[in-house]
N, C-alpha and C. Protein backbone atom coordinates (compact mmCIF):
# COMPACT_ATOMS: atom_id res chain seq x y z
N PRO A 1 -16.75 6.14 44.99
CA PRO A 1 -17.38 7.09 44.08
C PRO A 1 -16.77 7.07 42.73
N THR A 2 -17.62 7.23 41.71
CA THR A 2 -17.14 7.27 40.35
C THR A 2 -16.57 8.59 39.99
N THR A 3 -15.40 8.60 39.43
CA THR A 3 -14.73 9.85 38.97
C THR A 3 -15.09 10.07 37.52
N CYS A 4 -15.41 11.30 37.19
CA CYS A 4 -15.68 11.63 35.81
C CYS A 4 -14.31 11.76 35.09
N VAL A 5 -14.10 10.94 34.11
CA VAL A 5 -12.84 10.93 33.39
C VAL A 5 -13.10 11.34 31.95
N ARG A 6 -12.45 12.40 31.52
CA ARG A 6 -12.60 12.91 30.18
C ARG A 6 -11.56 12.30 29.25
N ARG A 7 -12.02 11.97 28.10
CA ARG A 7 -11.16 11.37 27.05
C ARG A 7 -9.94 12.29 26.79
N GLU A 8 -10.18 13.59 26.70
CA GLU A 8 -9.10 14.53 26.39
C GLU A 8 -8.01 14.50 27.50
N ASP A 9 -8.46 14.37 28.76
CA ASP A 9 -7.52 14.33 29.85
C ASP A 9 -6.64 13.07 29.75
N LEU A 10 -7.23 11.92 29.47
CA LEU A 10 -6.46 10.70 29.34
C LEU A 10 -5.57 10.74 28.13
N GLN A 11 -6.02 11.33 27.05
CA GLN A 11 -5.19 11.44 25.86
C GLN A 11 -3.96 12.30 26.17
N ALA A 12 -4.14 13.39 26.93
CA ALA A 12 -3.02 14.24 27.29
C ALA A 12 -2.02 13.52 28.18
N ILE A 13 -2.51 12.74 29.11
CA ILE A 13 -1.63 11.97 30.01
C ILE A 13 -0.84 10.96 29.21
N ILE A 14 -1.50 10.23 28.29
CA ILE A 14 -0.81 9.23 27.52
C ILE A 14 0.17 9.89 26.54
N ASP A 15 -0.23 11.00 25.92
CA ASP A 15 0.70 11.67 25.00
C ASP A 15 1.93 12.15 25.70
N ARG A 16 1.78 12.70 26.90
CA ARG A 16 3.00 13.14 27.66
C ARG A 16 3.90 11.98 28.01
N ALA A 17 3.29 10.83 28.39
CA ALA A 17 4.12 9.72 28.83
C ALA A 17 4.74 8.96 27.69
N ALA A 18 3.96 8.68 26.67
CA ALA A 18 4.42 7.77 25.58
C ALA A 18 4.56 8.43 24.20
N GLY A 19 3.96 9.59 24.04
CA GLY A 19 3.99 10.22 22.72
C GLY A 19 5.33 10.37 22.05
N PRO A 20 6.35 10.95 22.79
CA PRO A 20 7.67 11.09 22.17
C PRO A 20 8.27 9.76 21.75
N LEU A 21 8.15 8.74 22.58
CA LEU A 21 8.71 7.42 22.24
C LEU A 21 8.01 6.83 21.05
N LEU A 22 6.67 6.88 21.01
CA LEU A 22 5.95 6.33 19.90
C LEU A 22 6.24 7.09 18.58
N ARG A 23 6.26 8.39 18.64
CA ARG A 23 6.59 9.18 17.43
C ARG A 23 7.96 8.86 16.89
N LEU A 24 8.89 8.68 17.79
CA LEU A 24 10.27 8.34 17.43
C LEU A 24 10.27 7.08 16.61
N HIS A 25 9.39 6.16 16.91
CA HIS A 25 9.28 4.87 16.17
C HIS A 25 8.26 4.86 15.07
N GLY A 26 7.66 6.02 14.80
CA GLY A 26 6.68 6.14 13.74
C GLY A 26 5.26 5.68 14.07
N GLY A 27 4.94 5.71 15.38
CA GLY A 27 3.63 5.23 15.83
C GLY A 27 2.85 6.27 16.56
N THR A 28 1.58 5.95 16.83
CA THR A 28 0.76 6.82 17.63
C THR A 28 -0.18 6.00 18.48
N VAL A 29 -0.74 6.66 19.47
CA VAL A 29 -1.76 6.04 20.33
C VAL A 29 -2.91 7.00 20.48
N THR A 30 -4.12 6.45 20.44
CA THR A 30 -5.32 7.25 20.50
C THR A 30 -6.31 6.66 21.51
N VAL A 31 -6.86 7.47 22.39
CA VAL A 31 -7.88 7.00 23.30
C VAL A 31 -9.15 6.91 22.47
N THR A 32 -9.72 5.72 22.43
CA THR A 32 -10.91 5.47 21.63
C THR A 32 -12.19 5.36 22.43
N ASP A 33 -12.07 5.02 23.71
CA ASP A 33 -13.23 4.89 24.56
C ASP A 33 -12.86 5.00 26.01
N VAL A 34 -13.76 5.61 26.78
CA VAL A 34 -13.52 5.70 28.24
C VAL A 34 -14.83 5.18 28.91
N ALA A 35 -14.65 4.30 29.84
CA ALA A 35 -15.74 3.77 30.64
C ALA A 35 -15.39 4.00 32.10
N PRO A 36 -16.29 3.79 33.01
CA PRO A 36 -15.97 4.04 34.43
C PRO A 36 -14.82 3.18 35.00
N ASP A 37 -14.60 2.03 34.37
CA ASP A 37 -13.53 1.13 34.89
C ASP A 37 -12.42 0.88 33.93
N ARG A 38 -12.47 1.50 32.69
CA ARG A 38 -11.42 1.23 31.73
C ARG A 38 -11.28 2.32 30.71
N VAL A 39 -10.09 2.34 30.09
CA VAL A 39 -9.82 3.22 28.96
C VAL A 39 -9.33 2.33 27.85
N THR A 40 -9.91 2.49 26.65
CA THR A 40 -9.50 1.72 25.49
C THR A 40 -8.64 2.62 24.57
N ILE A 41 -7.53 2.06 24.16
CA ILE A 41 -6.61 2.79 23.27
C ILE A 41 -6.40 2.01 21.99
N ALA A 42 -6.07 2.72 20.94
CA ALA A 42 -5.73 2.12 19.67
C ALA A 42 -4.30 2.55 19.31
N MET A 43 -3.52 1.56 18.90
CA MET A 43 -2.15 1.81 18.45
C MET A 43 -2.18 1.84 16.96
N SER A 44 -1.47 2.83 16.35
CA SER A 44 -1.49 2.91 14.91
C SER A 44 -0.11 3.28 14.41
N GLY A 45 -0.03 3.40 13.08
CA GLY A 45 1.27 3.67 12.50
C GLY A 45 2.18 2.44 12.66
N ALA A 46 3.44 2.69 12.96
CA ALA A 46 4.39 1.59 13.17
C ALA A 46 4.04 0.77 14.39
N CYS A 47 3.25 1.28 15.29
CA CYS A 47 2.88 0.52 16.49
C CYS A 47 1.85 -0.56 16.21
N SER A 48 1.13 -0.41 15.11
CA SER A 48 0.11 -1.40 14.77
C SER A 48 0.79 -2.72 14.44
N GLY A 49 0.51 -3.71 15.22
CA GLY A 49 1.08 -5.03 14.96
C GLY A 49 2.49 -5.22 15.50
N CYS A 50 3.04 -4.22 16.16
CA CYS A 50 4.42 -4.32 16.70
C CYS A 50 4.42 -5.19 17.96
N GLY A 51 5.43 -6.00 18.08
CA GLY A 51 5.59 -6.83 19.25
C GLY A 51 5.90 -6.10 20.52
N GLY A 52 6.26 -4.82 20.42
CA GLY A 52 6.59 -4.02 21.60
C GLY A 52 5.40 -3.34 22.22
N VAL A 53 4.21 -3.49 21.67
CA VAL A 53 3.03 -2.82 22.21
C VAL A 53 2.80 -3.22 23.64
N THR A 54 2.84 -4.46 23.96
CA THR A 54 2.55 -4.92 25.36
C THR A 54 3.48 -4.32 26.33
N SER A 55 4.80 -4.25 26.06
CA SER A 55 5.72 -3.69 26.99
C SER A 55 5.51 -2.16 27.08
N THR A 56 5.19 -1.50 25.98
CA THR A 56 4.94 -0.05 26.04
C THR A 56 3.70 0.24 26.88
N VAL A 57 2.66 -0.53 26.68
CA VAL A 57 1.42 -0.36 27.49
C VAL A 57 1.68 -0.63 28.95
N GLN A 58 2.31 -1.79 29.25
CA GLN A 58 2.54 -2.14 30.66
C GLN A 58 3.58 -1.24 31.35
N GLY A 59 4.61 -0.88 30.61
CA GLY A 59 5.72 -0.16 31.22
C GLY A 59 5.62 1.37 31.20
N VAL A 60 4.80 1.88 30.24
CA VAL A 60 4.78 3.36 30.10
C VAL A 60 3.32 3.88 30.23
N ILE A 61 2.42 3.38 29.39
CA ILE A 61 1.09 3.95 29.32
C ILE A 61 0.27 3.64 30.58
N ALA A 62 0.17 2.36 30.99
CA ALA A 62 -0.67 2.04 32.13
C ALA A 62 -0.15 2.73 33.41
N PRO A 63 1.18 2.76 33.70
CA PRO A 63 1.60 3.50 34.91
C PRO A 63 1.26 4.96 34.87
N ALA A 64 1.28 5.59 33.71
CA ALA A 64 0.90 7.01 33.60
C ALA A 64 -0.59 7.22 33.87
N VAL A 65 -1.41 6.31 33.32
CA VAL A 65 -2.85 6.37 33.56
C VAL A 65 -3.17 6.10 35.03
N HIS A 66 -2.53 5.08 35.61
CA HIS A 66 -2.79 4.71 36.96
C HIS A 66 -2.34 5.77 38.00
N ALA A 67 -1.39 6.59 37.63
CA ALA A 67 -0.93 7.65 38.53
C ALA A 67 -2.09 8.64 38.84
N GLY A 68 -2.91 8.86 37.82
CA GLY A 68 -4.07 9.75 38.00
C GLY A 68 -5.39 9.06 38.23
N TYR A 69 -5.51 7.88 37.70
CA TYR A 69 -6.77 7.13 37.71
C TYR A 69 -6.49 5.66 37.99
N PRO A 70 -6.16 5.32 39.23
CA PRO A 70 -5.78 3.94 39.55
C PRO A 70 -6.88 2.90 39.29
N GLU A 71 -8.11 3.35 39.21
CA GLU A 71 -9.24 2.41 39.01
C GLU A 71 -9.38 1.97 37.59
N LEU A 72 -8.69 2.64 36.65
CA LEU A 72 -8.89 2.34 35.23
C LEU A 72 -7.99 1.21 34.75
N GLU A 73 -8.57 0.26 34.00
CA GLU A 73 -7.80 -0.73 33.30
C GLU A 73 -7.52 -0.20 31.91
N VAL A 74 -6.30 -0.40 31.42
CA VAL A 74 -5.96 0.03 30.06
C VAL A 74 -6.12 -1.15 29.11
N ILE A 75 -6.99 -0.98 28.10
CA ILE A 75 -7.27 -2.05 27.14
C ILE A 75 -6.79 -1.55 25.78
N VAL A 76 -6.09 -2.42 25.06
CA VAL A 76 -5.66 -2.13 23.69
C VAL A 76 -6.73 -2.67 22.74
N ALA A 77 -7.29 -1.79 21.92
CA ALA A 77 -8.31 -2.20 20.98
C ALA A 77 -7.75 -3.19 19.96
N PRO A 78 -8.52 -4.16 19.54
CA PRO A 78 -8.05 -5.05 18.50
C PRO A 78 -7.82 -4.27 17.22
N GLU A 79 -6.81 -4.73 16.46
CA GLU A 79 -6.47 -4.04 15.22
C GLU A 79 -7.55 -4.24 14.20
N ALA A 80 -7.83 -3.19 13.45
CA ALA A 80 -8.77 -3.30 12.34
C ALA A 80 -8.10 -4.05 11.19
N PRO A 81 -8.81 -4.80 10.44
CA PRO A 81 -8.20 -5.50 9.31
C PRO A 81 -7.65 -4.47 8.30
N THR A 82 -6.52 -4.81 7.74
CA THR A 82 -5.92 -3.94 6.73
C THR A 82 -6.68 -4.13 5.44
N PRO A 83 -7.06 -2.99 4.80
CA PRO A 83 -7.79 -3.12 3.55
C PRO A 83 -6.84 -3.68 2.48
N ALA A 84 -7.45 -4.43 1.54
CA ALA A 84 -6.65 -5.00 0.45
C ALA A 84 -6.06 -3.90 -0.37
N PRO A 85 -4.84 -4.02 -0.79
CA PRO A 85 -4.24 -3.01 -1.66
C PRO A 85 -4.94 -2.92 -2.99
N ARG A 86 -4.99 -1.72 -3.54
CA ARG A 86 -5.50 -1.55 -4.87
C ARG A 86 -4.45 -1.92 -5.89
N VAL A 87 -4.88 -2.57 -6.94
CA VAL A 87 -3.97 -2.98 -7.99
C VAL A 87 -4.15 -1.94 -9.15
N ILE A 88 -3.05 -1.33 -9.51
CA ILE A 88 -3.13 -0.38 -10.62
C ILE A 88 -2.52 -0.97 -11.86
N ASP A 89 -3.28 -0.89 -12.92
CA ASP A 89 -2.82 -1.41 -14.22
C ASP A 89 -2.01 -0.29 -14.90
N VAL A 90 -0.72 -0.44 -14.90
CA VAL A 90 0.13 0.57 -15.45
C VAL A 90 0.18 0.57 -16.98
N LYS A 91 -0.41 -0.45 -17.60
CA LYS A 91 -0.44 -0.55 -19.03
C LYS A 91 -1.59 0.22 -19.65
N LYS A 92 -2.64 0.43 -18.83
CA LYS A 92 -3.80 1.20 -19.28
C LYS A 92 -3.69 2.60 -18.73
N PRO A 93 -4.00 3.61 -19.48
CA PRO A 93 -3.88 5.02 -18.99
C PRO A 93 -4.76 5.26 -17.78
N GLY A 94 -4.12 5.37 -16.64
CA GLY A 94 -4.80 5.77 -15.37
C GLY A 94 -5.85 4.86 -14.84
N GLY A 95 -5.98 3.67 -15.34
CA GLY A 95 -7.10 2.82 -14.92
C GLY A 95 -6.72 1.84 -13.85
N LEU A 96 -7.66 1.59 -12.94
CA LEU A 96 -7.53 0.46 -12.03
C LEU A 96 -7.89 -0.76 -12.87
N LEU A 97 -7.38 -1.86 -12.54
CA LEU A 97 -7.69 -3.07 -13.32
C LEU A 97 -9.19 -3.25 -13.30
N GLY A 98 -9.72 -3.55 -14.46
CA GLY A 98 -11.16 -3.75 -14.59
C GLY A 98 -11.93 -2.46 -14.69
N ARG A 99 -11.27 -1.31 -14.57
CA ARG A 99 -11.94 -0.03 -14.63
C ARG A 99 -11.34 0.86 -15.72
N GLY A 100 -10.41 0.34 -16.45
CA GLY A 100 -9.77 1.12 -17.53
C GLY A 100 -10.75 1.28 -18.70
N ARG A 101 -10.27 1.73 -19.78
CA ARG A 101 -11.08 1.90 -20.96
C ARG A 101 -11.63 0.52 -21.38
N GLY A 102 -12.85 0.59 -21.68
CA GLY A 102 -13.51 -0.61 -22.19
C GLY A 102 -13.91 -1.60 -21.07
N GLY A 103 -13.82 -1.24 -19.81
CA GLY A 103 -14.19 -2.16 -18.74
C GLY A 103 -13.23 -3.34 -18.73
N GLY A 104 -13.81 -4.52 -18.90
CA GLY A 104 -12.99 -5.74 -19.01
C GLY A 104 -12.70 -6.32 -17.68
N SER A 105 -11.90 -7.37 -17.71
CA SER A 105 -11.60 -8.06 -16.47
C SER A 105 -10.13 -7.72 -16.08
N CYS A 106 -9.69 -8.30 -15.04
CA CYS A 106 -8.35 -8.07 -14.51
C CYS A 106 -7.28 -8.82 -15.28
N HIS A 107 -7.66 -9.61 -16.25
CA HIS A 107 -6.69 -10.48 -16.96
C HIS A 107 -6.19 -9.87 -18.21
């Protein structure tokens, strides 16, 4: 039989198990999707791109989820691309390059 799993319940389980550790390192984890056979999480902050994500998921998050919901697979969502940084032209009053007084190019 399929168990109704609420996103809020899974988030609370994960927060209790991994929240303090992740916050200590400047990171967070968010439940982004729940399906009958899996829960998808997103790692952010310092956890985004960290090499320790796999061990945290396998050693802390997945066991906590499986204690209440053994049928769920824990999936880590792929990272979103990082937006390009904005370049600020400090020589023009308050303007982004190409958007300062008189328009112009970035050169």
